[in-house]
Amino acid sequence: MRTTSYERTFAGMLVWEKTILTDLSSLYPGAGGGASFTDSVVLNHDVRIARGTDGTTLLVYGYVDKETFIIARNESAFTSLVHRLSTKRN
């Protein structure tokens, strides 16, 4: 996704963390209650990762740059999208 305000979208995402898994449950089945978000790094990009109570990754979101935002199923999907976007730009 493209964004014109990194600061606003990041702040909005932090607020949305409370309901994002429920709101996007049709796209991310099995990502129900009991999850918690933590800061992490994937491919040198700061991300937030929701993990279930068993430690399974349920959702990853982060920025490729200040204008490009990704929501992905897991770290592997996030990495794949970052690679695709970087290839497209070169």
C-alpha atoms as a PDB file:
ATOM      1  CA  MET A   1       0.000   0.000   0.000  1.00  0.00           C
ATOM      2  CA  ARG A   2       1.098   3.535  -0.630  1.00  0.00           C
ATOM      3  CA  THR A   3       0.901   6.173   2.075  1.00  0.00           C
ATOM      4  CA  THR A   4       1.494   9.897   2.149  1.00  0.00           C
ATOM      5  CA  SER A   5       2.074  10.085   5.891  1.00  0.00           C
ATOM      6  CA  TYR A   6       4.302   7.530   7.596  1.00  0.00           C
ATOM      7  CA  GLU A   7       3.658   9.108  10.986  1.00  0.00           C
ATOM      8  CA  ARG A   8      -0.138   8.985  10.708  1.00  0.00           C
ATOM      9  CA  THR A   9      -0.334   5.480   9.282  1.00  0.00           C
ATOM     10  CA  PHE A  10       2.076   4.085  11.871  1.00  0.00           C
ATOM     11  CA  ALA A  11       0.135   5.716  14.720  1.00  0.00           C
ATOM     12  CA  GLY A  12      -3.095   4.414  13.210  1.00  0.00           C
ATOM     13  CA  MET A  13      -1.692   0.898  12.938  1.00  0.00           C
ATOM     14  CA  LEU A  14      -0.704   0.889  16.606  1.00  0.00           C
ATOM     15  CA  VAL A  15      -4.300   1.757  17.513  1.00  0.00           C
ATOM     16  CA  TRP A  16      -5.707  -0.788  15.003  1.00  0.00           C
ATOM     17  CA  GLU A  17      -3.628  -3.591  16.555  1.00  0.00           C
ATOM     18  CA  LYS A  18      -6.439  -4.072  19.083  1.00  0.00           C
ATOM     19  CA  THR A  19      -8.853  -5.292  16.380  1.00  0.00           C
ATOM     20  CA  ILE A  20      -6.857  -5.895  13.187  1.00  0.00           C
ATOM     21  CA  LEU A  21      -6.817  -9.671  13.506  1.00  0.00           C
ATOM     22  CA  THR A  22     -10.578  -9.788  13.921  1.00  0.00           C
ATOM     23  CA  ASP A  23     -11.146  -7.149  11.232  1.00  0.00           C
ATOM     24  CA  LEU A  24      -8.998  -9.034   8.712  1.00  0.00           C
ATOM     25  CA  SER A  25     -10.028 -12.546   9.782  1.00  0.00           C
ATOM     26  CA  SER A  26     -11.400 -13.339   6.304  1.00  0.00           C
ATOM     27  CA  LEU A  27      -7.923 -12.668   4.868  1.00  0.00           C
ATOM     28  CA  TYR A  28      -5.973 -14.139   7.791  1.00  0.00           C
ATOM     29  CA  PRO A  29      -8.030 -17.063   9.140  1.00  0.00           C
ATOM     30  CA  GLY A  30      -7.000 -18.474  12.470  1.00  0.00           C
ATOM     31  CA  ALA A  31      -5.649 -15.137  13.621  1.00  0.00           C
ATOM     32  CA  GLY A  32      -7.985 -14.802  16.567  1.00  0.00           C
ATOM     33  CA  GLY A  33      -7.769 -13.610  20.115  1.00  0.00           C
ATOM     34  CA  GLY A  34      -4.851 -14.062  22.428  1.00  0.00           C
ATOM     35  CA  ALA A  35      -2.339 -12.598  19.998  1.00  0.00           C
ATOM     36  CA  SER A  36       0.130  -9.923  20.937  1.00  0.00           C
ATOM     37  CA  PHE A  37       2.226  -7.609  18.767  1.00  0.00           C
ATOM     38  CA  THR A  38       5.945  -7.119  19.263  1.00  0.00           C
ATOM     39  CA  ASP A  39       8.642  -5.139  17.497  1.00  0.00           C
ATOM     40  CA  SER A  40      10.992  -7.089  15.267  1.00  0.00           C
ATOM     41  CA  VAL A  41      13.206  -6.752  12.201  1.00  0.00           C
ATOM     42  CA  VAL A  42      12.700  -8.572   8.894  1.00  0.00           C
ATOM     43  CA  LEU A  43      15.211  -8.076   6.097  1.00  0.00           C
ATOM     44  CA  ASN A  44      16.537  -4.912   7.782  1.00  0.00           C
ATOM     45  CA  HIS A  45      13.028  -3.420   8.041  1.00  0.00           C
ATOM     46  CA  ASP A  46      11.367  -2.596  11.348  1.00  0.00           C
ATOM     47  CA  VAL A  47       8.105  -4.518  11.611  1.00  0.00           C
ATOM     48  CA  ARG A  48       5.393  -5.370  14.093  1.00  0.00           C
ATOM     49  CA  ILE A  49       4.560  -9.055  14.389  1.00  0.00           C
ATOM     50  CA  ALA A  50       1.413 -10.566  15.882  1.00  0.00           C
ATOM     51  CA  ARG A  51       2.073 -13.963  17.405  1.00  0.00           C
ATOM     52  CA  GLY A  52      -0.453 -16.406  18.750  1.00  0.00           C
ATOM     53  CA  THR A  53      -0.209 -17.857  22.215  1.00  0.00           C
ATOM     54  CA  ASP A  54       1.768 -20.768  20.711  1.00  0.00           C
ATOM     55  CA  GLY A  55       4.320 -18.381  19.154  1.00  0.00           C
ATOM     56  CA  THR A  56       3.043 -18.803  15.602  1.00  0.00           C
ATOM     57  CA  THR A  57       3.242 -15.681  13.441  1.00  0.00           C
ATOM     58  CA  LEU A  58      -0.261 -14.523  12.554  1.00  0.00           C
ATOM     59  CA  LEU A  59       0.441 -11.208  10.804  1.00  0.00           C
ATOM     60  CA  VAL A  60       3.382  -8.925   9.997  1.00  0.00           C
ATOM     61  CA  TYR A  61       3.233  -5.274   9.060  1.00  0.00           C
ATOM     62  CA  GLY A  62       5.904  -2.743   8.293  1.00  0.00           C
ATOM     63  CA  TYR A  63       7.263  -0.210   5.872  1.00  0.00           C
ATOM     64  CA  VAL A  64       9.560  -0.731   2.910  1.00  0.00           C
ATOM     65  CA  ASP A  65      10.144   3.026   2.945  1.00  0.00           C
ATOM     66  CA  LYS A  66       8.246   6.053   4.264  1.00  0.00           C
ATOM     67  CA  GLU A  67       5.716   5.729   1.424  1.00  0.00           C
ATOM     68  CA  THR A  68       5.253   1.951   1.071  1.00  0.00           C
ATOM     69  CA  PHE A  69       3.452  -0.142   3.664  1.00  0.00           C
ATOM     70  CA  ILE A  70       3.023  -3.941   3.744  1.00  0.00           C
ATOM     71  CA  ILE A  71       0.653  -6.199   5.679  1.00  0.00           C
ATOM     72  CA  ALA A  72       1.649  -9.857   5.238  1.00  0.00           C
ATOM     73  CA  ARG A  73       0.818 -13.295   6.605  1.00  0.00           C
ATOM     74  CA  ASN A  74       4.316 -14.005   7.939  1.00  0.00           C
ATOM     75  CA  GLU A  75       7.979 -13.050   7.740  1.00  0.00           C
ATOM     76  CA  SER A  76       8.504 -15.050   4.555  1.00  0.00           C
ATOM     77  CA  ALA A  77       5.647 -13.286   2.753  1.00  0.00           C
ATOM     78  CA  PHE A  78       6.912  -9.898   3.952  1.00  0.00           C
ATOM     79  CA  THR A  79      10.406 -10.728   2.649  1.00  0.00           C
ATOM     80  CA  SER A  80       9.011 -11.858  -0.699  1.00  0.00           C
ATOM     81  CA  LEU A  81       7.060  -8.626  -1.114  1.00  0.00           C
ATOM     82  CA  VAL A  82      10.077  -6.497  -0.204  1.00  0.00           C
ATOM     83  CA  HIS A  83      12.140  -8.320  -2.846  1.00  0.00           C
ATOM     84  CA  ARG A  84       9.431  -7.877  -5.478  1.00  0.00           C
ATOM     85  CA  LEU A  85       9.126  -4.179  -4.753  1.00  0.00           C
ATOM     86  CA  SER A  86      12.890  -3.624  -4.845  1.00  0.00           C
ATOM     87  CA  THR A  87      13.152  -5.490  -8.162  1.00  0.00           C
ATOM     88  CA  LYS A  88      10.321  -3.417  -9.608  1.00  0.00           C
ATOM     89  CA  ARG A  89      12.074  -0.160  -8.666  1.00  0.00           C
ATOM     90  CA  ASN A  90      15.427  -1.098 -10.219  1.00  0.00           C
END
